[in-house]
Amino acid sequence: MNRTLIMRRIVLPQAMRIIIPPTGNETIGMLKTTSLVTAVPFTLELQFATNAIANRIYKPIPLLIVACFWYLLITSILMVCQSRLEAHFGKASMPDRWAPRASRRHCRVRPTVSRRMTWTSSTRLHLSD
Protein backbone atom coordinates (compact mmCIF):
# COMPACT_ATOMS: atom_id res chain seq x y z
CA MET A 1 0.00 0.00 0.00
CA ASN A 2 1.27 3.45 -0.79
CA ARG A 3 1.32 6.33 1.68
CA THR A 4 -1.89 8.02 0.50
CA LEU A 5 -3.87 4.80 0.71
CA ILE A 6 -2.53 4.10 4.20
CA MET A 7 -3.43 7.63 5.26
CA ARG A 8 -6.94 7.45 3.76
CA ARG A 9 -7.92 3.98 4.96
CA ILE A 10 -6.11 3.59 8.28
CA VAL A 11 -4.90 6.85 9.81
CA LEU A 12 -7.68 9.30 8.94
CA PRO A 13 -10.63 7.16 10.17
CA GLN A 14 -8.88 6.69 13.52
CA ALA A 15 -8.01 10.38 13.72
CA MET A 16 -11.55 11.47 12.80
CA ARG A 17 -13.00 9.35 15.60
CA ILE A 18 -10.85 11.33 18.03
CA ILE A 19 -11.05 14.76 16.34
CA ILE A 20 -14.81 15.13 15.72
CA PRO A 21 -16.21 15.31 19.31
CA PRO A 22 -14.04 18.19 20.62
CA THR A 23 -14.14 20.09 17.33
CA GLY A 24 -17.93 19.81 17.14
CA ASN A 25 -18.32 20.86 20.76
CA GLU A 26 -16.09 23.89 20.22
CA THR A 27 -18.00 24.91 17.09
CA ILE A 28 -21.35 24.68 18.85
CA GLY A 29 -19.92 26.51 21.86
CA MET A 30 -18.64 29.34 19.67
CA LEU A 31 -22.04 29.63 18.02
CA LYS A 32 -23.71 29.88 21.41
CA THR A 33 -21.30 32.56 22.63
CA THR A 34 -21.85 34.77 19.57
CA SER A 35 -25.19 35.76 21.07
CA LEU A 36 -23.28 37.24 24.01
CA VAL A 37 -21.00 39.39 21.85
CA THR A 38 -23.31 42.33 21.24
CA ALA A 39 -20.61 44.93 21.94
CA VAL A 40 -18.66 44.02 18.79
CA PRO A 41 -20.20 45.83 15.81
CA PHE A 42 -20.09 42.91 13.39
CA THR A 43 -23.00 43.43 11.00
CA LEU A 44 -23.30 39.80 9.86
CA GLU A 45 -23.83 38.48 13.38
CA LEU A 46 -27.42 37.48 14.17
CA GLN A 47 -27.75 39.29 17.50
CA PHE A 48 -26.37 42.55 16.07
CA ALA A 49 -28.74 42.38 13.10
CA THR A 50 -31.68 41.68 15.41
CA ASN A 51 -30.84 44.65 17.62
CA ALA A 52 -30.44 46.93 14.58
CA ILE A 53 -33.87 45.99 13.21
CA ALA A 54 -35.44 46.21 16.67
CA ASN A 55 -34.09 49.75 17.12
CA ARG A 56 -35.68 50.78 13.83
CA ILE A 57 -39.17 49.38 14.47
CA TYR A 58 -39.20 49.75 18.28
CA LYS A 59 -40.26 46.13 18.94
CA PRO A 60 -37.27 44.27 20.38
CA ILE A 61 -39.01 41.32 22.07
CA PRO A 62 -40.50 39.61 18.97
CA LEU A 63 -37.21 39.95 17.11
CA LEU A 64 -35.24 38.57 20.04
CA ILE A 65 -37.58 35.57 20.12
CA VAL A 66 -36.97 35.05 16.38
CA ALA A 67 -33.21 35.27 16.98
CA CYS A 68 -33.59 32.72 19.78
CA PHE A 69 -35.34 30.30 17.42
CA TRP A 70 -32.63 30.82 14.79
CA TYR A 71 -29.91 30.00 17.34
CA LEU A 72 -31.89 26.95 18.46
CA LEU A 73 -32.32 25.75 14.87
CA ILE A 74 -28.68 26.24 13.88
CA THR A 75 -27.42 24.63 17.09
CA SER A 76 -29.76 21.66 16.67
CA ILE A 77 -28.64 21.11 13.08
CA LEU A 78 -24.97 21.22 14.12
CA MET A 79 -25.61 18.78 16.98
CA VAL A 80 -27.36 16.30 14.66
CA CYS A 81 -24.53 16.54 12.13
CA GLN A 82 -21.94 15.99 14.87
CA SER A 83 -23.87 13.01 16.19
CA ARG A 84 -24.08 11.39 12.76
CA LEU A 85 -20.38 11.98 12.07
CA GLU A 86 -19.47 10.44 15.44
CA ALA A 87 -21.66 7.43 14.68
CA HIS A 88 -20.15 7.04 11.21
CA PHE A 89 -16.52 7.23 12.30
CA GLY A 90 -17.11 5.39 15.58
CA LYS A 91 -18.56 2.23 14.07
CA ALA A 92 -15.11 0.74 13.45
CA SER A 93 -14.45 0.74 17.18
CA MET A 94 -17.49 -1.50 17.83
CA PRO A 95 -16.40 -5.02 16.83
CA ASP A 96 -19.72 -6.60 17.91
CA ARG A 97 -21.51 -4.83 15.10
CA TRP A 98 -19.38 -6.52 12.44
CA ALA A 99 -19.29 -9.97 14.01
CA PRO A 100 -21.57 -12.63 12.53
CA ARG A 101 -24.68 -13.48 14.52
CA ALA A 102 -23.51 -16.99 15.45
CA SER A 103 -20.28 -15.80 17.03
CA ARG A 104 -22.07 -12.94 18.81
CA ARG A 105 -24.44 -15.39 20.45
CA HIS A 106 -21.61 -17.43 21.94
CA CYS A 107 -19.60 -14.43 23.12
CA ARG A 108 -22.15 -13.13 25.61
CA VAL A 109 -20.93 -12.48 29.09
CA ARG A 110 -22.57 -14.79 31.55
CA PRO A 111 -23.80 -13.32 34.80
CA THR A 112 -21.64 -14.15 37.76
CA VAL A 113 -23.00 -15.76 40.87
CA SER A 114 -23.16 -13.25 43.65
CA ARG A 115 -21.62 -14.24 46.92
CA ARG A 116 -22.46 -12.87 50.32
CA MET A 117 -19.65 -11.95 52.65
CA THR A 118 -20.26 -12.63 56.31
CA TRP A 119 -18.06 -12.35 59.32
CA THR A 120 -17.86 -15.38 61.54
CA SER A 121 -17.40 -15.24 65.25
CA SER A 122 -13.68 -15.87 64.88
CA THR A 123 -13.41 -12.64 62.79
CA ARG A 124 -12.63 -14.45 59.57
CA LEU A 125 -14.32 -13.57 56.32
CA HIS A 126 -16.59 -16.30 55.04
CA LEU A 127 -17.89 -16.36 51.45
CA SER A 128 -21.15 -18.15 50.93
CA ASP A 129 -23.01 -18.87 47.69
C-alpha atoms as a PDB file:
ATOM      1  CA  MET A   1       0.000   0.000   0.000  1.00  0.00           C
ATOM      2  CA  ASN A   2       1.275   3.447  -0.792  1.00  0.00           C
ATOM      3  CA  ARG A   3       1.320   6.335   1.680  1.00  0.00           C
ATOM      4  CA  THR A   4      -1.886   8.021   0.505  1.00  0.00           C
ATOM      5  CA  LEU A   5      -3.865   4.798   0.708  1.00  0.00           C
ATOM      6  CA  ILE A   6      -2.531   4.102   4.199  1.00  0.00           C
ATOM      7  CA  MET A   7      -3.431   7.627   5.257  1.00  0.00           C
ATOM      8  CA  ARG A   8      -6.937   7.449   3.764  1.00  0.00           C
ATOM      9  CA  ARG A   9      -7.919   3.982   4.958  1.00  0.00           C
ATOM     10  CA  ILE A  10      -6.108   3.592   8.278  1.00  0.00           C
ATOM     11  CA  VAL A  11      -4.897   6.849   9.810  1.00  0.00           C
ATOM     12  CA  LEU A  12      -7.683   9.297   8.942  1.00  0.00           C
ATOM     13  CA  PRO A  13     -10.625   7.165  10.170  1.00  0.00           C
ATOM     14  CA  GLN A  14      -8.878   6.693  13.519  1.00  0.00           C
ATOM     15  CA  ALA A  15      -8.013  10.378  13.719  1.00  0.00           C
ATOM     16  CA  MET A  16     -11.551  11.475  12.799  1.00  0.00           C
ATOM     17  CA  ARG A  17     -12.997   9.352  15.598  1.00  0.00           C
ATOM     18  CA  ILE A  18     -10.846  11.331  18.030  1.00  0.00           C
ATOM     19  CA  ILE A  19     -11.052  14.759  16.342  1.00  0.00           C
ATOM     20  CA  ILE A  20     -14.809  15.134  15.721  1.00  0.00           C
ATOM     21  CA  PRO A  21     -16.207  15.313  19.306  1.00  0.00           C
ATOM     22  CA  PRO A  22     -14.037  18.187  20.617  1.00  0.00           C
ATOM     23  CA  THR A  23     -14.139  20.092  17.332  1.00  0.00           C
ATOM     24  CA  GLY A  24     -17.930  19.810  17.136  1.00  0.00           C
ATOM     25  CA  ASN A  25     -18.323  20.863  20.756  1.00  0.00           C
ATOM     26  CA  GLU A  26     -16.089  23.894  20.221  1.00  0.00           C
ATOM     27  CA  THR A  27     -18.002  24.914  17.089  1.00  0.00           C
ATOM     28  CA  ILE A  28     -21.353  24.676  18.852  1.00  0.00           C
ATOM     29  CA  GLY A  29     -19.924  26.511  21.865  1.00  0.00           C
ATOM     30  CA  MET A  30     -18.639  29.338  19.667  1.00  0.00           C
ATOM     31  CA  LEU A  31     -22.036  29.625  18.016  1.00  0.00           C
ATOM     32  CA  LYS A  32     -23.709  29.884  21.415  1.00  0.00           C
ATOM     33  CA  THR A  33     -21.296  32.564  22.631  1.00  0.00           C
ATOM     34  CA  THR A  34     -21.847  34.772  19.575  1.00  0.00           C
ATOM     35  CA  SER A  35     -25.191  35.762  21.069  1.00  0.00           C
ATOM     36  CA  LEU A  36     -23.278  37.243  24.013  1.00  0.00           C
ATOM     37  CA  VAL A  37     -21.004  39.392  21.848  1.00  0.00           C
ATOM     38  CA  THR A  38     -23.309  42.331  21.244  1.00  0.00           C
ATOM     39  CA  ALA A  39     -20.606  44.927  21.942  1.00  0.00           C
ATOM     40  CA  VAL A  40     -18.663  44.024  18.791  1.00  0.00           C
ATOM     41  CA  PRO A  41     -20.200  45.831  15.810  1.00  0.00           C
ATOM     42  CA  PHE A  42     -20.092  42.906  13.386  1.00  0.00           C
ATOM     43  CA  THR A  43     -23.000  43.426  10.996  1.00  0.00           C
ATOM     44  CA  LEU A  44     -23.301  39.800   9.861  1.00  0.00           C
ATOM     45  CA  GLU A  45     -23.831  38.484  13.379  1.00  0.00           C
ATOM     46  CA  LEU A  46     -27.422  37.480  14.168  1.00  0.00           C
ATOM     47  CA  GLN A  47     -27.747  39.286  17.505  1.00  0.00           C
ATOM     48  CA  PHE A  48     -26.372  42.549  16.070  1.00  0.00           C
ATOM     49  CA  ALA A  49     -28.736  42.381  13.097  1.00  0.00           C
ATOM     50  CA  THR A  50     -31.684  41.676  15.406  1.00  0.00           C
ATOM     51  CA  ASN A  51     -30.840  44.654  17.619  1.00  0.00           C
ATOM     52  CA  ALA A  52     -30.437  46.931  14.576  1.00  0.00           C
ATOM     53  CA  ILE A  53     -33.866  45.986  13.209  1.00  0.00           C
ATOM     54  CA  ALA A  54     -35.445  46.213  16.670  1.00  0.00           C
ATOM     55  CA  ASN A  55     -34.086  49.746  17.119  1.00  0.00           C
ATOM     56  CA  ARG A  56     -35.681  50.780  13.826  1.00  0.00           C
ATOM     57  CA  ILE A  57     -39.168  49.378  14.470  1.00  0.00           C
ATOM     58  CA  TYR A  58     -39.200  49.751  18.281  1.00  0.00           C
ATOM     59  CA  LYS A  59     -40.258  46.126  18.937  1.00  0.00           C
ATOM     60  CA  PRO A  60     -37.273  44.270  20.378  1.00  0.00           C
ATOM     61  CA  ILE A  61     -39.010  41.316  22.069  1.00  0.00           C
ATOM     62  CA  PRO A  62     -40.504  39.607  18.970  1.00  0.00           C
ATOM     63  CA  LEU A  63     -37.213  39.947  17.108  1.00  0.00           C
ATOM     64  CA  LEU A  64     -35.238  38.568  20.041  1.00  0.00           C
ATOM     65  CA  ILE A  65     -37.578  35.569  20.122  1.00  0.00           C
ATOM     66  CA  VAL A  66     -36.973  35.047  16.384  1.00  0.00           C
ATOM     67  CA  ALA A  67     -33.211  35.265  16.976  1.00  0.00           C
ATOM     68  CA  CYS A  68     -33.589  32.721  19.780  1.00  0.00           C
ATOM     69  CA  PHE A  69     -35.342  30.303  17.424  1.00  0.00           C
ATOM     70  CA  TRP A  70     -32.630  30.819  14.793  1.00  0.00           C
ATOM     71  CA  TYR A  71     -29.914  30.001  17.342  1.00  0.00           C
ATOM     72  CA  LEU A  72     -31.889  26.954  18.464  1.00  0.00           C
ATOM     73  CA  LEU A  73     -32.321  25.752  14.873  1.00  0.00           C
ATOM     74  CA  ILE A  74     -28.683  26.239  13.878  1.00  0.00           C
ATOM     75  CA  THR A  75     -27.422  24.628  17.094  1.00  0.00           C
ATOM     76  CA  SER A  76     -29.764  21.659  16.672  1.00  0.00           C
ATOM     77  CA  ILE A  77     -28.638  21.107  13.084  1.00  0.00           C
ATOM     78  CA  LEU A  78     -24.973  21.218  14.116  1.00  0.00           C
ATOM     79  CA  MET A  79     -25.613  18.777  16.978  1.00  0.00           C
ATOM     80  CA  VAL A  80     -27.364  16.296  14.664  1.00  0.00           C
ATOM     81  CA  CYS A  81     -24.527  16.544  12.129  1.00  0.00           C
ATOM     82  CA  GLN A  82     -21.942  15.992  14.866  1.00  0.00           C
ATOM     83  CA  SER A  83     -23.868  13.009  16.193  1.00  0.00           C
ATOM     84  CA  ARG A  84     -24.076  11.387  12.759  1.00  0.00           C
ATOM     85  CA  LEU A  85     -20.385  11.984  12.072  1.00  0.00           C
ATOM     86  CA  GLU A  86     -19.470  10.444  15.440  1.00  0.00           C
ATOM     87  CA  ALA A  87     -21.657   7.429  14.675  1.00  0.00           C
ATOM     88  CA  HIS A  88     -20.148   7.039  11.207  1.00  0.00           C
ATOM     89  CA  PHE A  89     -16.523   7.226  12.301  1.00  0.00           C
ATOM     90  CA  GLY A  90     -17.106   5.388  15.579  1.00  0.00           C
ATOM     91  CA  LYS A  91     -18.561   2.229  14.070  1.00  0.00           C
ATOM     92  CA  ALA A  92     -15.113   0.741  13.448  1.00  0.00           C
ATOM     93  CA  SER A  93     -14.455   0.738  17.180  1.00  0.00           C
ATOM     94  CA  MET A  94     -17.490  -1.496  17.830  1.00  0.00           C
ATOM     95  CA  PRO A  95     -16.405  -5.020  16.832  1.00  0.00           C
ATOM     96  CA  ASP A  96     -19.723  -6.598  17.907  1.00  0.00           C
ATOM     97  CA  ARG A  97     -21.510  -4.830  15.102  1.00  0.00           C
ATOM     98  CA  TRP A  98     -19.380  -6.516  12.443  1.00  0.00           C
ATOM     99  CA  ALA A  99     -19.291  -9.968  14.015  1.00  0.00           C
ATOM    100  CA  PRO A 100     -21.572 -12.629  12.532  1.00  0.00           C
ATOM    101  CA  ARG A 101     -24.678 -13.480  14.522  1.00  0.00           C
ATOM    102  CA  ALA A 102     -23.512 -16.993  15.450  1.00  0.00           C
ATOM    103  CA  SER A 103     -20.279 -15.804  17.026  1.00  0.00           C
ATOM    104  CA  ARG A 104     -22.067 -12.945  18.808  1.00  0.00           C
ATOM    105  CA  ARG A 105     -24.441 -15.392  20.453  1.00  0.00           C
ATOM    106  CA  HIS A 106     -21.605 -17.429  21.938  1.00  0.00           C
ATOM    107  CA  CYS A 107     -19.600 -14.427  23.124  1.00  0.00           C
ATOM    108  CA  ARG A 108     -22.152 -13.130  25.613  1.00  0.00           C
ATOM    109  CA  VAL A 109     -20.928 -12.476  29.093  1.00  0.00           C
ATOM    110  CA  ARG A 110     -22.570 -14.791  31.555  1.00  0.00           C
ATOM    111  CA  PRO A 111     -23.800 -13.322  34.801  1.00  0.00           C
ATOM    112  CA  THR A 112     -21.636 -14.150  37.756  1.00  0.00           C
ATOM    113  CA  VAL A 113     -23.004 -15.762  40.869  1.00  0.00           C
ATOM    114  CA  SER A 114     -23.158 -13.250  43.649  1.00  0.00           C
ATOM    115  CA  ARG A 115     -21.624 -14.240  46.925  1.00  0.00           C
ATOM    116  CA  ARG A 116     -22.461 -12.870  50.325  1.00  0.00           C
ATOM    117  CA  MET A 117     -19.653 -11.949  52.646  1.00  0.00           C
ATOM    118  CA  THR A 118     -20.265 -12.629  56.310  1.00  0.00           C
ATOM    119  CA  TRP A 119     -18.059 -12.353  59.321  1.00  0.00           C
ATOM    120  CA  THR A 120     -17.863 -15.383  61.539  1.00  0.00           C
ATOM    121  CA  SER A 121     -17.397 -15.245  65.252  1.00  0.00           C
ATOM    122  CA  SER A 122     -13.678 -15.866  64.881  1.00  0.00           C
ATOM    123  CA  THR A 123     -13.407 -12.644  62.791  1.00  0.00           C
ATOM    124  CA  ARG A 124     -12.627 -14.452  59.567  1.00  0.00           C
ATOM    125  CA  LEU A 125     -14.323 -13.573  56.324  1.00  0.00           C
ATOM    126  CA  HIS A 126     -16.593 -16.304  55.043  1.00  0.00           C
ATOM    127  CA  LEU A 127     -17.889 -16.357  51.450  1.00  0.00           C
ATOM    128  CA  SER A 128     -21.153 -18.146  50.926  1.00  0.00           C
ATOM    129  CA  ASP A 129     -23.012 -18.869  47.695  1.00  0.00           C
END
